Amino acid sequence: MRVRRALVLIGIGGLLSVSSAAAEPGAPVASANGGAHWTIELPNPFGVEVWNRTLSFNARKYADGSVEGHFEYHQVVEGEAFVFNVDVTCMNVYDGNRAKIGGVIVVSNDPTLPPGMFAWFQVFDNGEGADVPADESSLVGFGDELANEAFCNSPALPRFGPWDIQGNVQVLA
């Protein structure tokens, strides 16, 4: 089970390391926030259904390059629930509607991904209204600070996904 869970958790990629500002340095130049829920049914690249997956986030980037925000990620794999709370250390917006967000894990109930490790994801804001496609999200990736920086600084699309979500994502640049 740990091997399959690791495959699910390792699925994604990176981030720009900048310190969070203690005092807000003016209005944000970019922001992303939202909540998402989705299930990755079989067959999928991981060989295990991942359900009750939820992601909630709020991130802001300022003109001086500093960022602030937080995200919480929950997933259930083979009946085992995992929870991660992450302080945002980087955020970039690409194509006007796609945000890459990453940060340092501050709370984790997974002993293989303890606090101090990094997590990242990207979301797609596909607009509002009945005639637009659903917003989308990649999986959440995990690794070290260098992988986090590489992910956030690369305009590349996700390797796994993106998947349509239930919920709403807002990306402003």
N, C-alpha and C. Protein backbone atom coordinates (compact mmCIF):
# COMPACT_ATOMS: atom_id res chain seq x y z
N MET A 1 0.82 -1.18 0.00
CA MET A 1 0.00 0.00 0.00
C MET A 1 0.87 1.25 0.00
N ARG A 2 1.95 1.29 0.76
CA ARG A 2 2.82 2.46 0.81
C ARG A 2 3.39 2.79 -0.57
N VAL A 3 3.74 1.76 -1.37
CA VAL A 3 4.30 1.99 -2.69
C VAL A 3 3.27 2.66 -3.58
N ARG A 4 2.05 2.15 -3.59
CA ARG A 4 1.01 2.76 -4.41
C ARG A 4 0.69 4.17 -3.94
N ARG A 5 0.64 4.38 -2.61
CA ARG A 5 0.37 5.71 -2.07
C ARG A 5 1.50 6.65 -2.47
N ALA A 6 2.73 6.19 -2.41
CA ALA A 6 3.87 7.02 -2.80
C ALA A 6 3.75 7.42 -4.27
N LEU A 7 3.30 6.48 -5.12
CA LEU A 7 3.12 6.82 -6.53
C LEU A 7 2.09 7.92 -6.70
N VAL A 8 1.01 7.86 -5.92
CA VAL A 8 -0.01 8.89 -6.00
C VAL A 8 0.56 10.21 -5.51
N LEU A 9 1.29 10.18 -4.41
CA LEU A 9 1.79 11.41 -3.81
C LEU A 9 2.92 12.04 -4.60
N ILE A 10 3.73 11.23 -5.26
CA ILE A 10 4.89 11.75 -5.98
C ILE A 10 4.49 12.27 -7.34
N GLY A 11 3.28 12.02 -7.78
CA GLY A 11 2.80 12.34 -9.11
C GLY A 11 3.09 13.69 -9.74
N ILE A 12 3.57 14.76 -9.12
CA ILE A 12 3.50 16.08 -9.75
C ILE A 12 4.81 16.90 -9.74
N GLY A 13 4.95 18.17 -9.59
CA GLY A 13 6.21 18.92 -9.62
C GLY A 13 6.35 20.36 -9.08
N GLY A 14 6.98 21.43 -8.55
CA GLY A 14 7.83 22.47 -8.05
C GLY A 14 7.47 23.88 -7.63
N LEU A 15 8.45 24.85 -7.37
CA LEU A 15 8.10 26.09 -6.68
C LEU A 15 9.21 27.13 -6.51
N LEU A 16 8.91 28.43 -6.51
CA LEU A 16 9.83 29.55 -6.31
C LEU A 16 9.92 29.86 -4.82
N SER A 17 11.10 29.79 -4.26
CA SER A 17 11.26 30.00 -2.83
C SER A 17 11.46 31.47 -2.52
N VAL A 18 10.44 32.04 -1.91
CA VAL A 18 10.53 33.40 -1.43
C VAL A 18 9.88 33.45 -0.07
N SER A 19 10.39 34.28 0.80
CA SER A 19 9.85 34.32 2.15
C SER A 19 8.52 35.04 2.17
N SER A 20 7.64 34.61 3.06
CA SER A 20 6.37 35.28 3.24
C SER A 20 6.62 36.62 3.90
N ALA A 21 5.89 37.61 3.49
CA ALA A 21 6.07 38.95 4.04
C ALA A 21 5.39 39.06 5.39
N ALA A 22 6.08 39.61 6.37
CA ALA A 22 5.50 39.81 7.69
C ALA A 22 4.45 40.92 7.61
N ALA A 23 4.77 41.99 6.90
CA ALA A 23 3.83 43.07 6.68
C ALA A 23 3.48 43.08 5.20
N GLU A 24 2.21 43.20 4.90
CA GLU A 24 1.76 43.15 3.51
C GLU A 24 2.36 44.31 2.72
N PRO A 25 3.14 44.04 1.65
CA PRO A 25 3.80 45.09 0.88
C PRO A 25 2.91 45.66 -0.22
N GLY A 26 1.75 46.24 0.13
CA GLY A 26 0.86 46.81 -0.87
C GLY A 26 -0.10 45.78 -1.43
N ALA A 27 -0.78 46.17 -2.49
CA ALA A 27 -1.77 45.31 -3.11
C ALA A 27 -1.09 44.16 -3.86
N PRO A 28 -1.69 42.99 -3.86
CA PRO A 28 -1.12 41.87 -4.62
C PRO A 28 -1.14 42.14 -6.12
N VAL A 29 -0.13 41.62 -6.82
CA VAL A 29 -0.11 41.70 -8.29
C VAL A 29 -0.72 40.44 -8.90
N ALA A 30 -0.87 39.40 -8.10
CA ALA A 30 -1.52 38.16 -8.54
C ALA A 30 -2.09 37.46 -7.32
N SER A 31 -3.17 36.72 -7.54
CA SER A 31 -3.75 35.96 -6.44
C SER A 31 -4.46 34.73 -7.00
N ALA A 32 -4.59 33.75 -6.13
CA ALA A 32 -5.34 32.54 -6.48
C ALA A 32 -5.99 32.02 -5.22
N ASN A 33 -7.24 31.60 -5.34
CA ASN A 33 -7.92 31.02 -4.18
C ASN A 33 -9.02 30.11 -4.67
N GLY A 34 -9.45 29.24 -3.79
CA GLY A 34 -10.56 28.37 -4.16
C GLY A 34 -10.61 27.11 -3.34
N GLY A 35 -11.53 26.27 -3.75
CA GLY A 35 -11.72 24.98 -3.13
C GLY A 35 -12.07 23.98 -4.21
N ALA A 36 -11.54 22.79 -4.08
CA ALA A 36 -11.74 21.77 -5.11
C ALA A 36 -11.93 20.41 -4.47
N HIS A 37 -12.73 19.59 -5.14
CA HIS A 37 -12.95 18.20 -4.73
C HIS A 37 -13.02 17.36 -5.99
N TRP A 38 -12.34 16.23 -6.00
CA TRP A 38 -12.42 15.34 -7.14
C TRP A 38 -12.03 13.94 -6.74
N THR A 39 -12.43 12.98 -7.58
CA THR A 39 -12.07 11.58 -7.40
C THR A 39 -11.35 11.12 -8.66
N ILE A 40 -10.25 10.43 -8.49
CA ILE A 40 -9.53 9.87 -9.63
C ILE A 40 -9.84 8.37 -9.64
N GLU A 41 -10.75 8.01 -10.54
CA GLU A 41 -11.23 6.63 -10.60
C GLU A 41 -10.27 5.75 -11.39
N LEU A 42 -10.43 4.46 -11.21
CA LEU A 42 -9.67 3.49 -12.00
C LEU A 42 -10.29 3.36 -13.37
N PRO A 43 -9.57 3.10 -14.42
CA PRO A 43 -8.11 2.98 -14.43
C PRO A 43 -7.45 4.37 -14.42
N ASN A 44 -6.30 4.46 -13.77
CA ASN A 44 -5.51 5.68 -13.75
C ASN A 44 -4.03 5.29 -13.67
N PRO A 45 -3.12 6.24 -13.82
CA PRO A 45 -1.70 5.90 -13.83
C PRO A 45 -1.17 5.34 -12.51
N PHE A 46 -1.96 5.44 -11.42
CA PHE A 46 -1.49 5.03 -10.10
C PHE A 46 -1.92 3.63 -9.70
N GLY A 47 -2.91 3.08 -10.39
CA GLY A 47 -3.38 1.73 -10.08
C GLY A 47 -4.22 1.64 -8.83
N VAL A 48 -4.66 2.77 -8.27
CA VAL A 48 -5.49 2.78 -7.08
C VAL A 48 -6.42 3.99 -7.16
N GLU A 49 -7.69 3.80 -6.79
CA GLU A 49 -8.62 4.93 -6.80
C GLU A 49 -8.27 5.87 -5.66
N VAL A 50 -8.29 7.15 -5.95
CA VAL A 50 -8.04 8.19 -4.95
C VAL A 50 -9.33 8.98 -4.82
N TRP A 51 -9.91 9.00 -3.62
CA TRP A 51 -11.20 9.65 -3.47
C TRP A 51 -11.20 10.59 -2.26
N ASN A 52 -12.29 11.33 -2.17
CA ASN A 52 -12.47 12.33 -1.13
C ASN A 52 -11.29 13.28 -1.09
N ARG A 53 -10.78 13.55 -2.24
CA ARG A 53 -9.62 14.43 -2.39
C ARG A 53 -10.14 15.86 -2.36
N THR A 54 -9.67 16.65 -1.43
CA THR A 54 -10.07 18.05 -1.37
C THR A 54 -8.84 18.94 -1.23
N LEU A 55 -8.97 20.13 -1.75
CA LEU A 55 -7.91 21.12 -1.73
C LEU A 55 -8.54 22.48 -1.52
N SER A 56 -8.09 23.22 -0.52
CA SER A 56 -8.53 24.59 -0.34
C SER A 56 -7.28 25.46 -0.22
N PHE A 57 -7.32 26.64 -0.84
CA PHE A 57 -6.10 27.45 -0.90
C PHE A 57 -6.41 28.92 -1.05
N ASN A 58 -5.43 29.73 -0.64
CA ASN A 58 -5.46 31.17 -0.79
C ASN A 58 -4.01 31.62 -0.87
N ALA A 59 -3.62 32.24 -1.98
CA ALA A 59 -2.23 32.67 -2.18
C ALA A 59 -2.21 34.04 -2.85
N ARG A 60 -1.24 34.86 -2.46
CA ARG A 60 -1.06 36.18 -3.04
C ARG A 60 0.42 36.40 -3.35
N LYS A 61 0.68 37.09 -4.46
CA LYS A 61 2.04 37.47 -4.82
C LYS A 61 2.09 38.98 -4.98
N TYR A 62 3.17 39.59 -4.46
CA TYR A 62 3.32 41.04 -4.45
C TYR A 62 4.38 41.47 -5.46
N ALA A 63 4.40 42.77 -5.76
CA ALA A 63 5.32 43.32 -6.76
C ALA A 63 6.79 43.06 -6.41
N ASP A 64 7.12 42.98 -5.13
CA ASP A 64 8.51 42.72 -4.73
C ASP A 64 8.87 41.24 -4.81
N GLY A 65 7.95 40.39 -5.27
CA GLY A 65 8.21 38.95 -5.40
C GLY A 65 7.83 38.14 -4.18
N SER A 66 7.50 38.79 -3.07
CA SER A 66 7.12 38.04 -1.87
C SER A 66 5.73 37.43 -2.07
N VAL A 67 5.48 36.38 -1.32
CA VAL A 67 4.19 35.69 -1.39
C VAL A 67 3.70 35.40 0.02
N GLU A 68 2.41 35.16 0.12
CA GLU A 68 1.84 34.70 1.37
C GLU A 68 0.60 33.88 1.06
N GLY A 69 0.25 33.01 1.97
CA GLY A 69 -0.94 32.20 1.79
C GLY A 69 -0.78 30.86 2.46
N HIS A 70 -1.79 30.03 2.25
CA HIS A 70 -1.85 28.72 2.90
C HIS A 70 -2.70 27.80 2.04
N PHE A 71 -2.39 26.51 2.06
CA PHE A 71 -3.32 25.54 1.48
C PHE A 71 -3.41 24.30 2.34
N GLU A 72 -4.58 23.67 2.26
CA GLU A 72 -4.85 22.44 2.99
C GLU A 72 -5.27 21.39 1.98
N TYR A 73 -4.69 20.21 2.10
CA TYR A 73 -4.94 19.14 1.15
C TYR A 73 -5.30 17.87 1.90
N HIS A 74 -6.39 17.22 1.50
CA HIS A 74 -6.84 15.96 2.09
C HIS A 74 -7.01 14.95 0.97
N GLN A 75 -6.60 13.73 1.21
CA GLN A 75 -6.91 12.65 0.27
C GLN A 75 -7.07 11.35 1.02
N VAL A 76 -7.83 10.44 0.42
CA VAL A 76 -8.02 9.11 0.97
C VAL A 76 -7.55 8.13 -0.09
N VAL A 77 -6.59 7.28 0.29
CA VAL A 77 -6.06 6.25 -0.60
C VAL A 77 -6.19 4.92 0.12
N GLU A 78 -6.89 3.99 -0.53
CA GLU A 78 -7.13 2.65 0.04
C GLU A 78 -7.62 2.72 1.48
N GLY A 79 -8.55 3.66 1.73
CA GLY A 79 -9.18 3.79 3.03
C GLY A 79 -8.38 4.55 4.07
N GLU A 80 -7.18 4.98 3.75
CA GLU A 80 -6.35 5.72 4.70
C GLU A 80 -6.37 7.21 4.34
N ALA A 81 -6.73 8.05 5.33
CA ALA A 81 -6.85 9.49 5.11
C ALA A 81 -5.53 10.20 5.44
N PHE A 82 -5.18 11.15 4.59
CA PHE A 82 -3.96 11.94 4.77
C PHE A 82 -4.32 13.42 4.72
N VAL A 83 -3.73 14.20 5.61
CA VAL A 83 -4.00 15.63 5.72
C VAL A 83 -2.68 16.37 5.73
N PHE A 84 -2.61 17.46 4.92
CA PHE A 84 -1.42 18.30 4.85
C PHE A 84 -1.84 19.76 4.94
N ASN A 85 -1.20 20.52 5.82
CA ASN A 85 -1.35 21.97 5.89
C ASN A 85 -0.03 22.58 5.45
N VAL A 86 -0.10 23.53 4.52
CA VAL A 86 1.10 24.03 3.86
C VAL A 86 1.09 25.56 3.85
N ASP A 87 2.22 26.17 4.24
CA ASP A 87 2.41 27.61 4.12
C ASP A 87 3.02 27.90 2.75
N VAL A 88 2.39 28.79 1.99
CA VAL A 88 2.83 29.11 0.63
C VAL A 88 4.18 29.82 0.66
N THR A 89 5.11 29.35 -0.17
CA THR A 89 6.41 29.99 -0.33
C THR A 89 6.62 30.48 -1.76
N CYS A 90 5.75 30.05 -2.69
CA CYS A 90 5.86 30.55 -4.06
C CYS A 90 4.52 30.47 -4.77
N MET A 91 4.39 31.33 -5.76
CA MET A 91 3.19 31.33 -6.60
C MET A 91 3.55 32.05 -7.90
N ASN A 92 3.17 31.48 -9.01
CA ASN A 92 3.30 32.13 -10.30
C ASN A 92 2.03 31.88 -11.10
N VAL A 93 1.66 32.87 -11.94
CA VAL A 93 0.50 32.73 -12.81
C VAL A 93 1.01 32.65 -14.25
N TYR A 94 0.49 31.68 -15.00
CA TYR A 94 0.84 31.48 -16.41
C TYR A 94 -0.44 31.52 -17.23
N ASP A 95 -0.33 32.03 -18.44
CA ASP A 95 -1.44 32.04 -19.40
C ASP A 95 -2.65 32.81 -18.91
N GLY A 96 -2.50 33.60 -17.86
CA GLY A 96 -3.59 34.42 -17.35
C GLY A 96 -4.61 33.71 -16.50
N ASN A 97 -4.68 32.37 -16.58
CA ASN A 97 -5.71 31.65 -15.82
C ASN A 97 -5.18 30.43 -15.07
N ARG A 98 -3.86 30.24 -15.06
CA ARG A 98 -3.28 29.03 -14.45
C ARG A 98 -2.28 29.45 -13.39
N ALA A 99 -2.51 28.99 -12.15
CA ALA A 99 -1.61 29.32 -11.05
C ALA A 99 -0.86 28.08 -10.59
N LYS A 100 0.44 28.26 -10.37
CA LYS A 100 1.28 27.23 -9.74
C LYS A 100 1.60 27.73 -8.34
N ILE A 101 1.29 26.90 -7.36
CA ILE A 101 1.42 27.28 -5.95
C ILE A 101 2.16 26.17 -5.22
N GLY A 102 3.07 26.56 -4.34
CA GLY A 102 3.78 25.57 -3.55
C GLY A 102 4.21 26.16 -2.22
N GLY A 103 4.63 25.27 -1.32
CA GLY A 103 5.07 25.75 -0.03
C GLY A 103 5.58 24.64 0.85
N VAL A 104 5.87 25.02 2.08
CA VAL A 104 6.46 24.11 3.06
C VAL A 104 5.34 23.49 3.91
N ILE A 105 5.41 22.18 4.10
CA ILE A 105 4.43 21.46 4.92
C ILE A 105 4.66 21.82 6.38
N VAL A 106 3.61 22.30 7.06
CA VAL A 106 3.71 22.62 8.48
C VAL A 106 2.97 21.59 9.35
N VAL A 107 1.99 20.89 8.78
CA VAL A 107 1.28 19.83 9.50
C VAL A 107 1.06 18.68 8.53
N SER A 108 1.37 17.46 8.98
CA SER A 108 1.16 16.27 8.16
C SER A 108 0.93 15.08 9.07
N ASN A 109 -0.02 14.22 8.70
CA ASN A 109 -0.20 12.98 9.44
C ASN A 109 0.43 11.79 8.69
N ASP A 110 1.20 12.08 7.67
CA ASP A 110 1.89 11.04 6.89
C ASP A 110 3.36 11.02 7.29
N PRO A 111 3.82 9.96 7.94
CA PRO A 111 5.21 9.92 8.39
C PRO A 111 6.23 9.94 7.25
N THR A 112 5.80 9.61 6.03
CA THR A 112 6.73 9.65 4.90
C THR A 112 6.85 11.06 4.31
N LEU A 113 5.96 11.98 4.71
CA LEU A 113 5.98 13.37 4.24
C LEU A 113 5.82 14.29 5.45
N PRO A 114 6.86 14.40 6.28
CA PRO A 114 6.74 15.16 7.53
C PRO A 114 6.82 16.67 7.29
N PRO A 115 6.48 17.47 8.31
CA PRO A 115 6.69 18.90 8.23
C PRO A 115 8.14 19.20 7.84
N GLY A 116 8.28 20.25 7.03
CA GLY A 116 9.60 20.61 6.50
C GLY A 116 9.78 20.19 5.06
N MET A 117 9.02 19.18 4.61
CA MET A 117 9.01 18.81 3.19
C MET A 117 8.15 19.86 2.46
N PHE A 118 8.12 19.77 1.13
CA PHE A 118 7.38 20.75 0.33
C PHE A 118 6.27 20.06 -0.47
N ALA A 119 5.23 20.84 -0.79
CA ALA A 119 4.10 20.36 -1.59
C ALA A 119 3.71 21.44 -2.59
N TRP A 120 3.17 21.02 -3.76
CA TRP A 120 2.83 21.98 -4.81
C TRP A 120 1.74 21.44 -5.71
N PHE A 121 1.09 22.34 -6.44
CA PHE A 121 0.02 21.96 -7.37
C PHE A 121 -0.19 23.12 -8.33
N GLN A 122 -1.01 22.88 -9.37
CA GLN A 122 -1.46 23.98 -10.21
C GLN A 122 -2.94 23.84 -10.49
N VAL A 123 -3.59 24.99 -10.63
CA VAL A 123 -5.02 25.03 -10.90
C VAL A 123 -5.28 25.88 -12.14
N PHE A 124 -6.41 25.58 -12.79
CA PHE A 124 -6.84 26.27 -14.00
C PHE A 124 -8.20 26.89 -13.74
N ASP A 125 -8.30 28.22 -13.84
CA ASP A 125 -9.55 28.94 -13.71
C ASP A 125 -10.14 29.07 -15.10
N ASN A 126 -11.16 28.28 -15.40
CA ASN A 126 -11.75 28.27 -16.74
C ASN A 126 -12.93 29.20 -16.90
N GLY A 127 -13.12 30.12 -15.95
CA GLY A 127 -14.18 31.11 -16.06
C GLY A 127 -15.42 30.73 -15.29
N GLU A 128 -16.45 31.53 -15.47
CA GLU A 128 -17.70 31.36 -14.75
C GLU A 128 -18.84 31.16 -15.73
N GLY A 129 -19.89 30.51 -15.28
CA GLY A 129 -21.09 30.36 -16.08
C GLY A 129 -21.34 28.95 -16.54
N ALA A 130 -22.55 28.73 -17.02
CA ALA A 130 -22.99 27.40 -17.41
C ALA A 130 -22.32 26.89 -18.68
N ASP A 131 -21.85 27.78 -19.52
CA ASP A 131 -21.30 27.36 -20.82
C ASP A 131 -19.78 27.22 -20.84
N VAL A 132 -19.13 27.30 -19.69
CA VAL A 132 -17.67 27.17 -19.65
C VAL A 132 -17.30 25.81 -19.06
N PRO A 133 -16.15 25.28 -19.44
CA PRO A 133 -15.74 23.99 -18.86
C PRO A 133 -15.44 24.14 -17.37
N ALA A 134 -15.45 23.02 -16.66
CA ALA A 134 -15.15 23.01 -15.23
C ALA A 134 -13.72 23.50 -14.98
N ASP A 135 -13.50 24.13 -13.83
CA ASP A 135 -12.14 24.44 -13.42
C ASP A 135 -11.39 23.12 -13.25
N GLU A 136 -10.05 23.19 -13.24
CA GLU A 136 -9.24 21.97 -13.20
C GLU A 136 -8.11 22.11 -12.19
N SER A 137 -7.56 20.96 -11.79
CA SER A 137 -6.40 20.94 -10.90
C SER A 137 -5.51 19.76 -11.25
N SER A 138 -4.22 19.97 -11.02
CA SER A 138 -3.27 18.85 -11.09
C SER A 138 -3.34 18.10 -9.77
N LEU A 139 -2.59 17.05 -9.67
CA LEU A 139 -2.38 16.40 -8.38
C LEU A 139 -1.47 17.30 -7.55
N VAL A 140 -1.35 16.98 -6.27
CA VAL A 140 -0.39 17.66 -5.41
C VAL A 140 0.89 16.85 -5.44
N GLY A 141 2.00 17.52 -5.70
CA GLY A 141 3.31 16.87 -5.71
C GLY A 141 4.03 17.13 -4.41
N PHE A 142 4.98 16.28 -4.10
CA PHE A 142 5.74 16.40 -2.85
C PHE A 142 7.22 16.22 -3.13
N GLY A 143 8.06 16.91 -2.37
CA GLY A 143 9.50 16.76 -2.51
C GLY A 143 10.24 17.78 -1.69
N ASP A 144 11.44 18.12 -2.17
CA ASP A 144 12.28 19.06 -1.43
C ASP A 144 12.11 20.48 -1.99
N GLU A 145 12.83 21.42 -1.39
CA GLU A 145 12.70 22.82 -1.77
C GLU A 145 13.13 23.07 -3.22
N LEU A 146 14.18 22.37 -3.68
CA LEU A 146 14.63 22.56 -5.06
C LEU A 146 13.56 22.12 -6.07
N ALA A 147 12.92 20.99 -5.82
CA ALA A 147 11.85 20.53 -6.71
C ALA A 147 10.68 21.51 -6.68
N ASN A 148 10.39 22.05 -5.51
CA ASN A 148 9.34 23.03 -5.33
C ASN A 148 9.63 24.27 -6.20
N GLU A 149 10.85 24.78 -6.12
CA GLU A 149 11.24 25.95 -6.90
C GLU A 149 11.16 25.67 -8.40
N ALA A 150 11.65 24.50 -8.80
CA ALA A 150 11.63 24.14 -10.23
C ALA A 150 10.20 24.09 -10.75
N PHE A 151 9.30 23.52 -9.98
CA PHE A 151 7.90 23.43 -10.39
C PHE A 151 7.30 24.83 -10.58
N CYS A 152 7.43 25.67 -9.58
CA CYS A 152 6.79 26.98 -9.63
C CYS A 152 7.36 27.85 -10.74
N ASN A 153 8.63 27.71 -11.03
CA ASN A 153 9.28 28.55 -12.03
C ASN A 153 9.16 28.03 -13.45
N SER A 154 8.54 26.90 -13.65
CA SER A 154 8.39 26.33 -14.98
C SER A 154 6.96 26.54 -15.49
N PRO A 155 6.81 27.03 -16.72
CA PRO A 155 5.46 27.17 -17.27
C PRO A 155 4.87 25.85 -17.78
N ALA A 156 5.57 24.74 -17.60
CA ALA A 156 5.11 23.44 -18.11
C ALA A 156 3.75 23.06 -17.52
N LEU A 157 2.99 22.36 -18.32
CA LEU A 157 1.69 21.83 -17.88
C LEU A 157 1.91 20.62 -16.98
N PRO A 158 0.89 20.22 -16.21
CA PRO A 158 1.07 19.08 -15.29
C PRO A 158 1.31 17.78 -16.04
N ARG A 159 2.11 16.90 -15.43
CA ARG A 159 2.35 15.58 -16.01
C ARG A 159 1.16 14.65 -15.78
N PHE A 160 0.46 14.82 -14.68
CA PHE A 160 -0.71 14.01 -14.37
C PHE A 160 -1.90 14.95 -14.23
N GLY A 161 -2.92 14.73 -15.07
CA GLY A 161 -4.06 15.61 -15.06
C GLY A 161 -3.86 16.68 -16.12
N PRO A 162 -4.53 17.77 -16.04
CA PRO A 162 -5.39 18.15 -14.94
C PRO A 162 -6.73 17.44 -15.00
N TRP A 163 -7.37 17.37 -13.84
CA TRP A 163 -8.68 16.76 -13.75
C TRP A 163 -9.72 17.83 -13.48
N ASP A 164 -10.94 17.62 -14.07
CA ASP A 164 -12.05 18.51 -13.76
C ASP A 164 -12.34 18.40 -12.27
N ILE A 165 -12.72 19.51 -11.68
CA ILE A 165 -13.02 19.52 -10.25
C ILE A 165 -14.46 19.91 -10.01
N GLN A 166 -14.93 19.59 -8.82
CA GLN A 166 -16.15 20.18 -8.29
C GLN A 166 -15.65 21.25 -7.33
N GLY A 167 -16.16 22.43 -7.47
CA GLY A 167 -15.69 23.56 -6.67
C GLY A 167 -15.45 24.74 -7.57
N ASN A 168 -14.67 25.70 -7.08
CA ASN A 168 -14.41 26.89 -7.86
C ASN A 168 -13.01 27.40 -7.57
N VAL A 169 -12.34 27.82 -8.63
CA VAL A 169 -10.99 28.35 -8.55
C VAL A 169 -11.00 29.76 -9.13
N GLN A 170 -10.33 30.69 -8.48
CA GLN A 170 -10.19 32.06 -9.00
C GLN A 170 -8.69 32.36 -9.13
N VAL A 171 -8.26 32.72 -10.32
CA VAL A 171 -6.87 33.12 -10.56
C VAL A 171 -6.90 34.51 -11.16
N LEU A 172 -6.21 35.46 -10.53
CA LEU A 172 -6.17 36.84 -11.00
C LEU A 172 -4.72 37.27 -11.17
N ALA A 173 -4.43 37.88 -12.28
CA ALA A 173 -3.07 38.39 -12.51
C ALA A 173 -3.14 39.80 -13.05
